[in-house]
All heavy atoms as atom14 arrays in JSON, in Angstrom:
{
  "sequence": "SVVISMLPASKHVEALFLGEDGLGGLLARIAA",
  "atom14_mask": [
    [1, 1, 1, 1, 1, 1, 0, 0, 0, 0, 0, 0, 0, 0],
    [1, 1, 1, 1, 1, 1, 1, 0, 0, 0, 0, 0, 0, 0],
    [1, 1, 1, 1, 1, 1, 1, 0, 0, 0, 0, 0, 0, 0],
    [1, 1, 1, 1, 1, 1, 1, 1, 0, 0, 0, 0, 0, 0],
    [1, 1, 1, 1, 1, 1, 0, 0, 0, 0, 0, 0, 0, 0],
    [1, 1, 1, 1, 1, 1, 1, 1, 0, 0, 0, 0, 0, 0],
    [1, 1, 1, 1, 1, 1, 1, 1, 0, 0, 0, 0, 0, 0],
    [1, 1, 1, 1, 1, 1, 1, 0, 0, 0, 0, 0, 0, 0],
    [1, 1, 1, 1, 1, 0, 0, 0, 0, 0, 0, 0, 0, 0],
    [1, 1, 1, 1, 1, 1, 0, 0, 0, 0, 0, 0, 0, 0],
    [1, 1, 1, 1, 1, 1, 1, 1, 1, 0, 0, 0, 0, 0],
    [1, 1, 1, 1, 1, 1, 1, 1, 1, 1, 0, 0, 0, 0],
    [1, 1, 1, 1, 1, 1, 1, 0, 0, 0, 0, 0, 0, 0],
    [1, 1, 1, 1, 1, 1, 1, 1, 1, 0, 0, 0, 0, 0],
    [1, 1, 1, 1, 1, 0, 0, 0, 0, 0, 0, 0, 0, 0],
    [1, 1, 1, 1, 1, 1, 1, 1, 0, 0, 0, 0, 0, 0],
    [1, 1, 1, 1, 1, 1, 1, 1, 1, 1, 1, 0, 0, 0],
    [1, 1, 1, 1, 1, 1, 1, 1, 0, 0, 0, 0, 0, 0],
    [1, 1, 1, 1, 0, 0, 0, 0, 0, 0, 0, 0, 0, 0],
    [1, 1, 1, 1, 1, 1, 1, 1, 1, 0, 0, 0, 0, 0],
    [1, 1, 1, 1, 1, 1, 1, 1, 0, 0, 0, 0, 0, 0],
    [1, 1, 1, 1, 0, 0, 0, 0, 0, 0, 0, 0, 0, 0],
    [1, 1, 1, 1, 1, 1, 1, 1, 0, 0, 0, 0, 0, 0],
    [1, 1, 1, 1, 0, 0, 0, 0, 0, 0, 0, 0, 0, 0],
    [1, 1, 1, 1, 0, 0, 0, 0, 0, 0, 0, 0, 0, 0],
    [1, 1, 1, 1, 1, 1, 1, 1, 0, 0, 0, 0, 0, 0],
    [1, 1, 1, 1, 1, 1, 1, 1, 0, 0, 0, 0, 0, 0],
    [1, 1, 1, 1, 1, 0, 0, 0, 0, 0, 0, 0, 0, 0],
    [1, 1, 1, 1, 1, 1, 1, 1, 1, 1, 1, 0, 0, 0],
    [1, 1, 1, 1, 1, 1, 1, 1, 0, 0, 0, 0, 0, 0],
    [1, 1, 1, 1, 1, 0, 0, 0, 0, 0, 0, 0, 0, 0],
    [1, 1, 1, 1, 1, 0, 0, 0, 0, 0, 0, 0, 0, 0]
  ],
  "atom14_positions": [
    [[28.76, 167.61, 223.09], [29.72, 167.23, 222.06], [31.13, 167.13, 222.64], [32.02, 166.53, 222.04], [29.71, 168.25, 220.91], [29.91, 169.56, 221.41], [0.0, 0.0, 0.0], [0.0, 0.0, 0.0], [0.0, 0.0, 0.0], [0.0, 0.0, 0.0], [0.0, 0.0, 0.0], [0.0, 0.0, 0.0], [0.0, 0.0, 0.0], [0.0, 0.0, 0.0]],
    [[31.34, 167.74, 223.83], [32.61, 167.66, 224.54], [32.31, 167.38, 226.01], [31.44, 168.03, 226.6], [33.42, 168.97, 224.42], [34.71, 168.87, 225.23], [33.73, 169.29, 222.97], [0.0, 0.0, 0.0], [0.0, 0.0, 0.0], [0.0, 0.0, 0.0], [0.0, 0.0, 0.0], [0.0, 0.0, 0.0], [0.0, 0.0, 0.0], [0.0, 0.0, 0.0]],
    [[33.01, 166.41, 226.59], [32.85, 166.08, 227.99], [34.2, 166.26, 228.68], [35.2, 165.66, 228.26], [32.35, 164.64, 228.2], [32.27, 164.29, 229.68], [30.99, 164.45, 227.52], [0.0, 0.0, 0.0], [0.0, 0.0, 0.0], [0.0, 0.0, 0.0], [0.0, 0.0, 0.0], [0.0, 0.0, 0.0], [0.0, 0.0, 0.0], [0.0, 0.0, 0.0]],
    [[34.25, 167.08, 229.72], [35.48, 167.35, 230.47], [35.32, 166.85, 231.89], [34.28, 167.07, 232.52], [35.82, 168.84, 230.48], [35.95, 169.38, 229.05], [37.1, 169.12, 231.26], [36.12, 170.88, 228.96], [0.0, 0.0, 0.0], [0.0, 0.0, 0.0], [0.0, 0.0, 0.0], [0.0, 0.0, 0.0], [0.0, 0.0, 0.0], [0.0, 0.0, 0.0]],
    [[36.34, 166.2, 232.41], [36.32, 165.77, 233.81], [37.54, 166.29, 234.53], [38.62, 166.4, 233.96], [36.27, 164.23, 233.9], [37.33, 163.64, 233.17], [0.0, 0.0, 0.0], [0.0, 0.0, 0.0], [0.0, 0.0, 0.0], [0.0, 0.0, 0.0], [0.0, 0.0, 0.0], [0.0, 0.0, 0.0], [0.0, 0.0, 0.0], [0.0, 0.0, 0.0]],
    [[37.35, 166.64, 235.79], [38.44, 167.09, 236.66], [38.18, 166.48, 238.04], [37.44, 167.04, 238.85], [38.5, 168.62, 236.71], [39.54, 169.16, 237.7], [41.21, 168.56, 237.38], [41.9, 169.93, 236.46], [0.0, 0.0, 0.0], [0.0, 0.0, 0.0], [0.0, 0.0, 0.0], [0.0, 0.0, 0.0], [0.0, 0.0, 0.0], [0.0, 0.0, 0.0]],
    [[38.77, 165.31, 238.29], [38.47, 164.52, 239.48], [39.74, 164.24, 240.28], [40.86, 164.38, 239.78], [37.79, 163.22, 239.07], [36.47, 163.4, 238.31], [35.96, 162.07, 237.78], [35.43, 164.07, 239.19], [0.0, 0.0, 0.0], [0.0, 0.0, 0.0], [0.0, 0.0, 0.0], [0.0, 0.0, 0.0], [0.0, 0.0, 0.0], [0.0, 0.0, 0.0]],
    [[39.61, 163.82, 241.55], [40.77, 163.7, 242.42], [41.77, 162.6, 242.1], [42.97, 162.79, 242.26], [40.15, 163.46, 243.81], [38.76, 163.95, 243.7], [38.34, 163.68, 242.29], [0.0, 0.0, 0.0], [0.0, 0.0, 0.0], [0.0, 0.0, 0.0], [0.0, 0.0, 0.0], [0.0, 0.0, 0.0], [0.0, 0.0, 0.0], [0.0, 0.0, 0.0]],
    [[41.3, 161.42, 241.67], [42.22, 160.29, 241.56], [41.75, 159.28, 240.51], [40.62, 159.36, 240.0], [42.35, 159.6, 242.92], [0.0, 0.0, 0.0], [0.0, 0.0, 0.0], [0.0, 0.0, 0.0], [0.0, 0.0, 0.0], [0.0, 0.0, 0.0], [0.0, 0.0, 0.0], [0.0, 0.0, 0.0], [0.0, 0.0, 0.0], [0.0, 0.0, 0.0]],
    [[42.61, 158.31, 240.23], [42.32, 157.27, 239.23], [41.01, 156.56, 239.5], [40.21, 156.33, 238.59], [43.45, 156.24, 239.21], [44.69, 156.82, 238.89], [0.0, 0.0, 0.0], [0.0, 0.0, 0.0], [0.0, 0.0, 0.0], [0.0, 0.0, 0.0], [0.0, 0.0, 0.0], [0.0, 0.0, 0.0], [0.0, 0.0, 0.0], [0.0, 0.0, 0.0]],
    [[40.77, 156.2, 240.76], [39.56, 155.44, 241.09], [38.3, 156.22, 240.76], [37.28, 155.64, 240.36], [39.57, 155.02, 242.56], [39.53, 156.18, 243.56], [39.57, 155.66, 244.99], [39.51, 156.81, 246.01], [39.56, 156.3, 247.41], [0.0, 0.0, 0.0], [0.0, 0.0, 0.0], [0.0, 0.0, 0.0], [0.0, 0.0, 0.0], [0.0, 0.0, 0.0]],
    [[38.35, 157.54, 240.9], [37.18, 158.35, 240.6], [36.94, 158.44, 239.09], [35.79, 158.37, 238.63], [37.35, 159.76, 241.18], [37.59, 159.77, 242.65], [38.82, 160.09, 243.18], [36.79, 159.47, 243.7], [38.76, 160.01, 244.49], [37.55, 159.63, 244.84], [0.0, 0.0, 0.0], [0.0, 0.0, 0.0], [0.0, 0.0, 0.0], [0.0, 0.0, 0.0]],
    [[38.01, 158.57, 238.34], [37.9, 158.65, 236.88], [37.39, 157.33, 236.32], [36.48, 157.29, 235.47], [39.25, 159.03, 236.24], [39.18, 158.96, 234.72], [39.67, 160.43, 236.68], [0.0, 0.0, 0.0], [0.0, 0.0, 0.0], [0.0, 0.0, 0.0], [0.0, 0.0, 0.0], [0.0, 0.0, 0.0], [0.0, 0.0, 0.0], [0.0, 0.0, 0.0]],
    [[37.95, 156.22, 236.78], [37.52, 154.91, 236.29], [36.08, 154.62, 236.69], [35.29, 154.09, 235.9], [38.46, 153.83, 236.79], [39.86, 153.93, 236.18], [40.62, 152.62, 236.24], [40.0, 151.55, 236.08], [41.84, 152.66, 236.45], [0.0, 0.0, 0.0], [0.0, 0.0, 0.0], [0.0, 0.0, 0.0], [0.0, 0.0, 0.0], [0.0, 0.0, 0.0]],
    [[35.7, 154.96, 237.92], [34.33, 154.73, 238.37], [33.35, 155.56, 237.55], [32.26, 155.09, 237.18], [34.19, 155.06, 239.85], [0.0, 0.0, 0.0], [0.0, 0.0, 0.0], [0.0, 0.0, 0.0], [0.0, 0.0, 0.0], [0.0, 0.0, 0.0], [0.0, 0.0, 0.0], [0.0, 0.0, 0.0], [0.0, 0.0, 0.0], [0.0, 0.0, 0.0]],
    [[33.73, 156.81, 237.24], [32.85, 157.68, 236.45], [32.65, 157.15, 235.04], [31.52, 156.98, 234.59], [33.42, 159.1, 236.4], [32.65, 160.08, 235.49], [31.29, 160.41, 236.08], [33.47, 161.35, 235.24], [0.0, 0.0, 0.0], [0.0, 0.0, 0.0], [0.0, 0.0, 0.0], [0.0, 0.0, 0.0], [0.0, 0.0, 0.0], [0.0, 0.0, 0.0]],
    [[33.74, 156.9, 234.35], [33.65, 156.57, 232.94], [33.39, 155.09, 232.65], [32.74, 154.75, 231.66], [34.92, 157.01, 232.21], [35.02, 158.5, 232.02], [36.01, 159.23, 232.66], [34.11, 159.18, 231.24], [36.1, 160.6, 232.51], [34.18, 160.57, 231.08], [35.18, 161.27, 231.71], [0.0, 0.0, 0.0], [0.0, 0.0, 0.0], [0.0, 0.0, 0.0]],
    [[33.89, 154.2, 233.5], [33.76, 152.77, 233.25], [32.7, 152.1, 234.12], [32.23, 151.01, 233.8], [35.11, 152.07, 233.48], [36.29, 152.61, 232.67], [37.55, 151.81, 232.98], [35.99, 152.58, 231.17], [0.0, 0.0, 0.0], [0.0, 0.0, 0.0], [0.0, 0.0, 0.0], [0.0, 0.0, 0.0], [0.0, 0.0, 0.0], [0.0, 0.0, 0.0]],
    [[32.36, 152.73, 235.24], [31.42, 152.12, 236.16], [32.12, 151.12, 237.06], [33.28, 150.77, 236.85], [0.0, 0.0, 0.0], [0.0, 0.0, 0.0], [0.0, 0.0, 0.0], [0.0, 0.0, 0.0], [0.0, 0.0, 0.0], [0.0, 0.0, 0.0], [0.0, 0.0, 0.0], [0.0, 0.0, 0.0], [0.0, 0.0, 0.0], [0.0, 0.0, 0.0]],
    [[31.42, 150.66, 238.06], [32.02, 149.74, 239.02], [32.42, 148.42, 238.39], [33.38, 147.77, 238.8], [31.04, 149.48, 240.19], [30.69, 150.71, 240.99], [31.9, 151.36, 241.64], [32.85, 150.63, 242.0], [31.92, 152.6, 241.79], [0.0, 0.0, 0.0], [0.0, 0.0, 0.0], [0.0, 0.0, 0.0], [0.0, 0.0, 0.0], [0.0, 0.0, 0.0]],
    [[31.7, 148.01, 237.34], [32.01, 146.74, 236.67], [32.83, 146.92, 235.41], [33.14, 145.95, 234.71], [30.7, 146.0, 236.33], [29.77, 146.84, 235.46], [30.15, 147.97, 235.06], [28.65, 146.38, 235.18], [0.0, 0.0, 0.0], [0.0, 0.0, 0.0], [0.0, 0.0, 0.0], [0.0, 0.0, 0.0], [0.0, 0.0, 0.0], [0.0, 0.0, 0.0]],
    [[33.2, 148.16, 235.11], [33.99, 148.42, 233.91], [33.17, 148.46, 232.64], [33.71, 148.59, 231.54], [0.0, 0.0, 0.0], [0.0, 0.0, 0.0], [0.0, 0.0, 0.0], [0.0, 0.0, 0.0], [0.0, 0.0, 0.0], [0.0, 0.0, 0.0], [0.0, 0.0, 0.0], [0.0, 0.0, 0.0], [0.0, 0.0, 0.0], [0.0, 0.0, 0.0]],
    [[31.86, 148.34, 232.77], [31.01, 148.25, 231.57], [29.92, 149.33, 231.51], [29.52, 149.74, 230.42], [30.34, 146.87, 231.51], [31.28, 145.66, 231.44], [30.45, 144.38, 231.57], [32.05, 145.66, 230.14], [0.0, 0.0, 0.0], [0.0, 0.0, 0.0], [0.0, 0.0, 0.0], [0.0, 0.0, 0.0], [0.0, 0.0, 0.0], [0.0, 0.0, 0.0]],
    [[29.45, 149.78, 232.67], [28.25, 150.61, 232.65], [28.45, 152.05, 233.06], [27.54, 152.66, 233.63], [0.0, 0.0, 0.0], [0.0, 0.0, 0.0], [0.0, 0.0, 0.0], [0.0, 0.0, 0.0], [0.0, 0.0, 0.0], [0.0, 0.0, 0.0], [0.0, 0.0, 0.0], [0.0, 0.0, 0.0], [0.0, 0.0, 0.0], [0.0, 0.0, 0.0]],
    [[29.62, 152.61, 232.81], [29.89, 153.97, 233.22], [29.38, 155.02, 232.25], [28.6, 154.75, 231.34], [0.0, 0.0, 0.0], [0.0, 0.0, 0.0], [0.0, 0.0, 0.0], [0.0, 0.0, 0.0], [0.0, 0.0, 0.0], [0.0, 0.0, 0.0], [0.0, 0.0, 0.0], [0.0, 0.0, 0.0], [0.0, 0.0, 0.0], [0.0, 0.0, 0.0]],
    [[29.88, 156.23, 232.44], [29.42, 157.38, 231.65], [29.72, 157.24, 230.17], [29.02, 157.81, 229.34], [30.05, 158.66, 232.22], [29.34, 159.98, 231.91], [27.94, 159.99, 232.53], [30.16, 161.15, 232.43], [0.0, 0.0, 0.0], [0.0, 0.0, 0.0], [0.0, 0.0, 0.0], [0.0, 0.0, 0.0], [0.0, 0.0, 0.0], [0.0, 0.0, 0.0]],
    [[30.77, 156.5, 229.83], [31.11, 156.34, 228.42], [29.97, 155.73, 227.63], [29.82, 155.98, 226.43], [32.37, 155.48, 228.26], [33.69, 156.11, 228.72], [34.84, 155.13, 228.49], [33.98, 157.42, 227.98], [0.0, 0.0, 0.0], [0.0, 0.0, 0.0], [0.0, 0.0, 0.0], [0.0, 0.0, 0.0], [0.0, 0.0, 0.0], [0.0, 0.0, 0.0]],
    [[29.14, 154.93, 228.3], [28.01, 154.3, 227.63], [26.89, 155.29, 227.35], [25.97, 155.01, 226.57], [27.49, 153.14, 228.47], [0.0, 0.0, 0.0], [0.0, 0.0, 0.0], [0.0, 0.0, 0.0], [0.0, 0.0, 0.0], [0.0, 0.0, 0.0], [0.0, 0.0, 0.0], [0.0, 0.0, 0.0], [0.0, 0.0, 0.0], [0.0, 0.0, 0.0]],
    [[26.94, 156.47, 227.99], [25.86, 157.46, 227.85], [26.25, 158.65, 226.98], [25.39, 159.46, 226.62], [25.46, 157.98, 229.24], [24.85, 156.89, 230.13], [24.56, 157.45, 231.52], [23.89, 156.49, 232.35], [22.56, 156.36, 232.47], [21.78, 157.15, 231.76], [22.02, 155.46, 233.27], [0.0, 0.0, 0.0], [0.0, 0.0, 0.0], [0.0, 0.0, 0.0]],
    [[27.53, 158.76, 226.67], [27.99, 159.89, 225.84], [27.74, 159.58, 224.38], [27.99, 158.46, 223.91], [29.49, 160.15, 226.08], [29.73, 160.5, 227.56], [30.0, 161.27, 225.2], [31.19, 160.58, 227.93], [0.0, 0.0, 0.0], [0.0, 0.0, 0.0], [0.0, 0.0, 0.0], [0.0, 0.0, 0.0], [0.0, 0.0, 0.0], [0.0, 0.0, 0.0]],
    [[27.25, 160.57, 223.64], [26.91, 160.37, 222.23], [28.15, 160.01, 221.42], [29.23, 160.59, 221.61], [26.27, 161.63, 221.67], [0.0, 0.0, 0.0], [0.0, 0.0, 0.0], [0.0, 0.0, 0.0], [0.0, 0.0, 0.0], [0.0, 0.0, 0.0], [0.0, 0.0, 0.0], [0.0, 0.0, 0.0], [0.0, 0.0, 0.0], [0.0, 0.0, 0.0]],
    [[28.01, 159.06, 220.52], [29.1, 158.67, 219.64], [29.61, 159.88, 218.88], [28.82, 160.73, 218.45], [28.65, 157.59, 218.67], [0.0, 0.0, 0.0], [0.0, 0.0, 0.0], [0.0, 0.0, 0.0], [0.0, 0.0, 0.0], [0.0, 0.0, 0.0], [0.0, 0.0, 0.0], [0.0, 0.0, 0.0], [0.0, 0.0, 0.0], [0.0, 0.0, 0.0]]
  ]
}
């Protein structure tokens, strides 16, 4: 119900949540 991230830099945060293409990252897997 809560997702927390603590990563080194912008590129890591964007890659995690948005994915390499900006569409398929972790945000697509987190419950609405």
